[in-house]
Protein backbone atom coordinates (compact mmCIF):
# COMPACT_ATOMS: atom_id res chain seq x y z
CA UNK A 1 10.02 -9.05 -27.80
CA UNK A 2 9.50 -12.25 -25.96
CA UNK A 3 9.56 -12.46 -22.24
CA UNK A 4 12.11 -14.21 -20.09
CA UNK A 5 12.75 -17.66 -19.73
CA UNK A 6 12.07 -19.39 -16.12
CA UNK A 7 15.67 -20.13 -15.71
CA UNK A 8 16.54 -16.26 -16.68
CA UNK A 9 14.08 -15.39 -13.86
CA UNK A 10 15.10 -17.84 -11.07
CA UNK A 11 18.96 -16.54 -11.67
CA UNK A 12 18.05 -12.55 -11.64
CA UNK A 13 16.02 -13.18 -8.37
CA UNK A 14 18.88 -15.53 -6.71
CA UNK A 15 21.18 -12.86 -7.43
CA UNK A 16 19.41 -9.79 -6.07
CA UNK A 17 18.49 -11.93 -3.02
CA UNK A 18 22.67 -12.74 -2.98
CA UNK A 19 23.52 -9.35 -3.28
CA UNK A 20 21.05 -7.65 -0.66
CA UNK A 21 22.46 -10.53 1.51
CA UNK A 22 26.25 -9.77 0.99
CA UNK A 23 26.02 -6.15 1.63
CA UNK A 24 25.63 -4.22 5.10
CA UNK A 25 22.25 -3.28 5.37
CA UNK A 26 22.33 -1.59 8.90
CA UNK A 27 19.35 -3.25 11.41
CA UNK A 28 19.26 -6.27 8.93
CA UNK A 29 20.55 -9.82 8.75
CA UNK A 30 23.58 -9.57 5.99
CA UNK A 31 26.90 -11.42 5.78
CA UNK A 32 28.63 -9.30 8.41
CA UNK A 33 26.21 -10.19 11.19
CA UNK A 34 22.96 -11.69 12.36
CA UNK A 35 20.16 -10.46 14.31
CA UNK A 36 16.45 -10.65 15.39
CA UNK A 37 17.50 -14.22 16.16
CA UNK A 38 18.02 -15.18 12.36
CA UNK A 39 21.58 -15.59 11.03
CA UNK A 40 22.43 -15.42 7.22
CA UNK A 41 22.24 -19.71 6.26
CA UNK A 42 18.38 -19.17 6.97
CA UNK A 43 17.73 -16.39 4.31
CA UNK A 44 20.21 -18.35 1.96
CA UNK A 45 18.04 -21.43 2.55
CA UNK A 46 14.77 -19.53 1.70
CA UNK A 47 15.77 -17.49 -0.98
CA UNK A 48 17.00 -21.16 -2.75
CA UNK A 49 13.91 -22.71 -1.67
CA UNK A 50 11.54 -19.33 -2.80
CA UNK A 51 13.38 -19.30 -6.33
CA UNK A 52 11.22 -21.66 -8.56
CA UNK A 53 8.32 -20.50 -7.47
CA UNK A 54 8.76 -16.70 -8.15
CA UNK A 55 9.94 -17.93 -11.46
CA UNK A 56 7.20 -20.61 -12.39
CA UNK A 57 5.26 -19.11 -15.23
CA UNK A 58 2.68 -21.54 -15.18
CA UNK A 59 1.48 -20.13 -11.96
CA UNK A 60 -0.65 -17.02 -11.19
CA UNK A 61 0.73 -14.11 -9.03
CA UNK A 62 -0.92 -14.86 -5.76
CA UNK A 63 0.24 -18.98 -6.15
CA UNK A 64 3.69 -18.29 -6.66
CA UNK A 65 3.77 -16.46 -3.65
CA UNK A 66 2.23 -19.13 -1.51
CA UNK A 67 4.32 -21.92 -2.69
CA UNK A 68 7.46 -19.53 -2.22
CA UNK A 69 6.58 -18.50 0.89
CA UNK A 70 5.72 -22.41 1.82
CA UNK A 71 8.94 -23.53 0.49
CA UNK A 72 10.73 -20.79 2.51
CA UNK A 73 9.27 -21.83 5.61
CA UNK A 74 10.24 -24.94 5.06
CA UNK A 75 13.87 -24.13 4.48
CA UNK A 76 14.03 -21.66 7.19
CA UNK A 77 11.81 -22.60 9.82
CA UNK A 78 10.55 -19.01 9.97
CA UNK A 79 9.24 -16.10 7.83
CA UNK A 80 12.20 -14.58 6.49
CA UNK A 81 11.12 -13.38 2.78
CA UNK A 82 7.32 -12.92 2.66
CA UNK A 83 7.65 -9.18 1.77
CA UNK A 84 10.43 -10.07 -1.03
CA UNK A 85 7.85 -12.48 -2.19
CA UNK A 86 4.85 -9.96 -2.45
CA UNK A 87 7.22 -7.78 -4.55
CA UNK A 88 9.02 -10.26 -6.87
CA UNK A 89 6.17 -12.49 -7.90
CA UNK A 90 4.43 -9.66 -10.00
CA UNK A 91 8.30 -8.40 -11.25
CA UNK A 92 8.37 -12.00 -12.22
CA UNK A 93 4.97 -12.27 -14.04
CA UNK A 94 5.91 -9.13 -15.51
CA UNK A 95 9.39 -10.22 -17.05
CA UNK A 96 7.47 -13.15 -18.65
CA UNK A 97 5.09 -11.17 -20.09
CA UNK A 98 5.57 -11.33 -24.12
CA UNK A 99 5.16 -7.87 -25.90
CA UNK A 100 7.40 -4.97 -26.88
CA UNK A 101 6.39 -2.92 -23.67
CA UNK A 102 8.93 -1.50 -21.11
CA UNK A 103 8.84 -3.54 -17.73
CA UNK A 104 6.67 -1.15 -15.70
CA UNK A 105 4.28 -1.25 -18.82
CA UNK A 106 4.50 -5.14 -18.74
CA UNK A 107 3.65 -5.15 -14.63
CA UNK A 108 0.99 -2.93 -14.65
CA UNK A 109 -0.83 -5.00 -17.08
CA UNK A 110 0.07 -7.85 -14.46
CA UNK A 111 -1.02 -6.09 -11.77
CA UNK A 112 -4.25 -5.28 -13.56
CA UNK A 113 -5.07 -8.71 -13.94
CA UNK A 114 -4.92 -9.84 -10.23
CA UNK A 115 -7.94 -11.08 -8.71
CA UNK A 116 -9.96 -12.83 -6.21
CA UNK A 117 -7.54 -16.14 -6.39
CA UNK A 118 -4.79 -13.94 -6.32
CA UNK A 119 -6.02 -12.44 -3.11
CA UNK A 120 -6.99 -15.92 -1.49
CA UNK A 121 -3.46 -17.45 -2.12
CA UNK A 122 -1.56 -13.97 -0.72
CA UNK A 123 -4.25 -13.81 2.49
CA UNK A 124 -3.07 -17.27 3.37
CA UNK A 125 0.78 -16.57 2.85
CA UNK A 126 0.23 -13.95 4.82
CA UNK A 127 -1.56 -15.82 7.72
CA UNK A 128 1.15 -18.91 7.50
CA UNK A 129 4.27 -16.24 7.69
CA UNK A 130 2.37 -14.14 10.61
CA UNK A 131 4.63 -11.48 10.22
CA UNK A 132 5.34 -9.19 13.27
CA UNK A 133 3.12 -6.43 14.27
CA UNK A 134 0.10 -7.82 11.69
CA UNK A 135 -2.98 -6.76 13.73
CA UNK A 136 -6.44 -6.61 12.48
CA UNK A 137 -8.34 -4.26 9.69
CA UNK A 138 -11.82 -3.53 9.64
CA UNK A 139 -12.22 -4.35 5.93
CA UNK A 140 -10.65 -7.65 4.19
CA UNK A 141 -8.38 -8.42 7.35
CA UNK A 142 -6.70 -11.59 6.25
CA UNK A 143 -7.84 -13.46 9.06
CA UNK A 144 -10.53 -14.25 6.89
CA UNK A 145 -11.27 -15.10 3.33
CA UNK A 146 -11.39 -12.12 0.95
CA UNK A 147 -14.28 -10.69 -0.98
CA UNK A 148 -12.36 -8.42 -3.14
CA UNK A 149 -9.47 -9.03 -6.08
CA UNK A 150 -5.79 -8.34 -4.49
CA UNK A 151 -5.55 -5.12 -5.78
CA UNK A 152 -8.62 -3.96 -4.31
CA UNK A 153 -7.46 -6.03 -1.11
CA UNK A 154 -3.72 -4.01 -1.38
CA UNK A 155 -5.49 -0.29 -1.84
CA UNK A 156 -7.37 -0.80 1.63
CA UNK A 157 -3.78 -1.20 3.30
CA UNK A 158 -1.92 1.44 1.00
CA UNK A 159 -1.86 4.07 3.81
CA UNK A 160 -0.28 1.94 6.41
CA UNK A 161 1.52 -0.48 4.29
CA UNK A 162 4.51 0.61 1.25
CA UNK A 163 4.08 -2.86 -0.04
CA UNK A 164 0.28 -2.62 -0.59
CA UNK A 165 1.43 0.85 -1.61
CA UNK A 166 3.61 -0.25 -4.32
CA UNK A 167 0.60 -2.69 -5.93
CA UNK A 168 -1.53 0.53 -6.44
CA UNK A 169 1.00 2.55 -7.41
CA UNK A 170 2.90 0.33 -10.18
CA UNK A 171 5.82 -0.04 -7.73
CA UNK A 172 6.35 3.47 -7.83
CA UNK A 173 8.96 3.38 -5.11
CA UNK A 174 11.06 0.88 -6.96
CA UNK A 175 10.69 2.61 -10.42
CA UNK A 176 11.22 6.38 -9.27
CA UNK A 177 13.32 6.28 -6.30
CA UNK A 178 15.01 2.49 -6.36
CA UNK A 179 16.33 1.95 -9.67
CA UNK A 180 17.37 5.80 -9.92
CA UNK A 181 19.43 5.41 -6.98
CA UNK A 182 20.76 2.85 -7.91
CA UNK A 183 22.14 4.29 -10.99
CA UNK A 184 23.55 6.75 -9.50
CA UNK A 185 25.00 4.93 -7.36
CA UNK A 186 26.83 2.74 -9.66
CA UNK A 187 28.25 5.65 -11.28
CA UNK A 188 30.30 6.29 -7.67
CA UNK A 189 31.34 2.48 -7.04
CA UNK A 190 32.54 -0.28 -8.70
CA UNK A 191 31.96 -1.98 -5.10
CA UNK A 192 28.87 -3.85 -5.47
CA UNK A 193 28.25 -4.38 -1.83
CA UNK A 194 28.85 -0.73 -1.23
CA UNK A 195 26.89 0.28 -3.74
CA UNK A 196 23.44 -2.04 -2.49
CA UNK A 197 24.67 -0.46 1.36
CA UNK A 198 24.02 2.75 -0.47
CA UNK A 199 20.67 1.89 -1.95
CA UNK A 200 19.92 0.48 1.75
CA UNK A 201 20.60 3.23 3.63
CA UNK A 202 19.33 5.95 0.86
CA UNK A 203 15.80 3.76 1.23
CA UNK A 204 16.15 4.12 4.87
CA UNK A 205 16.34 7.56 4.80
CA UNK A 206 13.64 8.27 2.48
CA UNK A 207 10.80 6.61 3.52
CA UNK A 208 9.64 5.33 7.11
CA UNK A 209 9.87 1.45 7.51
CA UNK A 210 6.93 -0.27 7.46
CA UNK A 211 7.74 -3.25 9.08
CA UNK A 212 8.89 -1.18 12.14
CA UNK A 213 5.97 0.84 12.37
CA UNK A 214 3.74 -2.21 12.48
CA UNK A 215 5.86 -3.46 15.48
CA UNK A 216 6.47 -0.24 17.50
CA UNK A 217 4.67 2.13 15.74
CA UNK A 218 5.11 5.36 13.63
CA UNK A 219 7.14 7.21 15.87
CA UNK A 220 9.96 4.52 16.06
CA UNK A 221 9.98 4.21 12.10
CA UNK A 222 10.47 7.99 11.70
CA UNK A 223 13.27 7.93 14.56
CA UNK A 224 14.73 5.12 12.22
CA UNK A 225 14.60 7.56 9.05
CA UNK A 226 16.11 10.40 11.09
CA UNK A 227 18.92 8.13 11.98
CA UNK A 228 19.44 7.13 8.57
CA UNK A 229 19.72 10.95 7.68
CA UNK A 230 21.87 12.16 10.41
CA UNK A 231 24.50 9.24 9.13
CA UNK A 232 24.12 10.44 5.57
CA UNK A 233 27.91 11.79 5.62
CA UNK A 234 28.56 7.76 5.92
CA UNK A 235 27.06 6.59 3.02
CA UNK A 236 26.84 9.73 0.36
CA UNK A 237 27.41 9.72 -2.39
CA UNK A 238 28.30 6.53 -1.37
CA UNK A 239 29.24 3.99 1.17
CA UNK A 240 33.27 3.88 1.58
CA UNK A 241 35.55 1.52 3.25
CA UNK A 242 36.74 4.32 5.49
CA UNK A 243 32.73 4.58 6.35
CA UNK A 244 31.88 1.00 7.38
CA UNK A 245 33.17 0.82 10.61
CA UNK A 246 30.52 3.37 11.47
CA UNK A 247 27.73 2.04 9.59
CA UNK A 248 28.44 -1.54 11.35
CA UNK A 249 28.27 0.32 14.61
CA UNK A 250 24.85 1.92 13.45
CA UNK A 251 23.45 -2.00 12.54
CA UNK A 252 24.64 -3.30 15.77
CA UNK A 253 22.73 -0.42 17.38
CA UNK A 254 19.51 -0.98 15.69
CA UNK A 255 19.44 -4.77 16.67
CA UNK A 256 20.56 -3.89 20.17
CA UNK A 257 17.07 -1.88 20.17
CA UNK A 258 15.25 -4.68 18.36
CA UNK A 259 14.71 -2.35 15.13
CA UNK A 260 14.58 -4.08 11.85
CA UNK A 261 13.77 -2.25 9.01
CA UNK A 262 12.47 -5.28 7.25
CA UNK A 263 10.48 -3.62 4.42
CA UNK A 264 13.62 -1.56 3.37
CA UNK A 265 15.49 -4.66 3.25
CA UNK A 266 12.60 -5.70 0.69
CA UNK A 267 12.56 -3.04 -1.33
CA UNK A 268 16.28 -3.24 -1.88
CA UNK A 269 15.45 -6.45 -2.85
CA UNK A 270 13.13 -5.63 -5.07
CA UNK A 271 14.61 -2.94 -6.88
CA UNK A 272 18.01 -5.35 -7.37
CA UNK A 273 15.46 -7.57 -8.85
CA UNK A 274 13.76 -4.82 -11.55
CA UNK A 275 16.91 -3.42 -12.45
CA UNK A 276 18.55 -6.81 -13.46
CA UNK A 277 15.25 -7.91 -15.41
CA UNK A 278 15.05 -4.79 -16.77
CA UNK A 279 19.19 -4.84 -18.48
CA UNK A 280 18.05 -8.87 -19.20
CA UNK A 281 14.86 -7.47 -21.46
CA UNK A 282 16.78 -4.61 -23.13
CA UNK A 283 17.40 -5.21 -26.52
CA UNK A 284 21.10 -5.78 -27.85
CA UNK A 285 23.30 -2.88 -28.51
CA UNK A 286 22.50 -1.88 -31.96
CA UNK A 287 19.30 -3.83 -32.54
């Protein structure tokens, strides 16, 4: 089975970014409200700018991330999508890997092949993005040149960062939680935006958000997780038009408190991107 073309990967990436932006996701920037000093147009511009680099089959994973980040910063004027790029680049490379294996099997091959050059490019991307609450690390700090491969560097951060943990678990959150949740939710509603809202809330209730934890501490992240759980009636089994106003009020409350579940948004895009790739790679019915 051949891999996807660059045009197919670019379309899947843009589709995932747009679906995430056009759904109400409490605490994040979306079509219904900006927040945290950022507006929807910046995220739309950064997605467009990043897409060709994420889809570039001639580049290694680390180089895709760095070039996409540079293009995004130029388009948006700030870091809007580092986490999205970190999750999307390996998925894109897996989608373009020829072979008969399932997407997650292809991804495992991509992750296993990451090397020091990938680490160097990703460290540079992180330095340029300068994400909030980054701080320092006792080993393989991004302020310095890496001395190990990217997978080894991610392993050192896996206990405190969910995106790093994704690299060393073959994207377990995406494949074991996100995609099954999305599949279930899509059986409950034909409204794409409400399905994405539900996916966001399910992630928020299941996992403390790494971005919030970096900026405000683990207790703040766990508090937002508990808030999402308390609001479960608003989004389970699926968010509904009748619960939209209450979810929008939760969105405003998180933004008033300066709490941005950015890692949750990253995993929503990663899940939507992986699901789109999965469908595109699937053989035709009856084949």
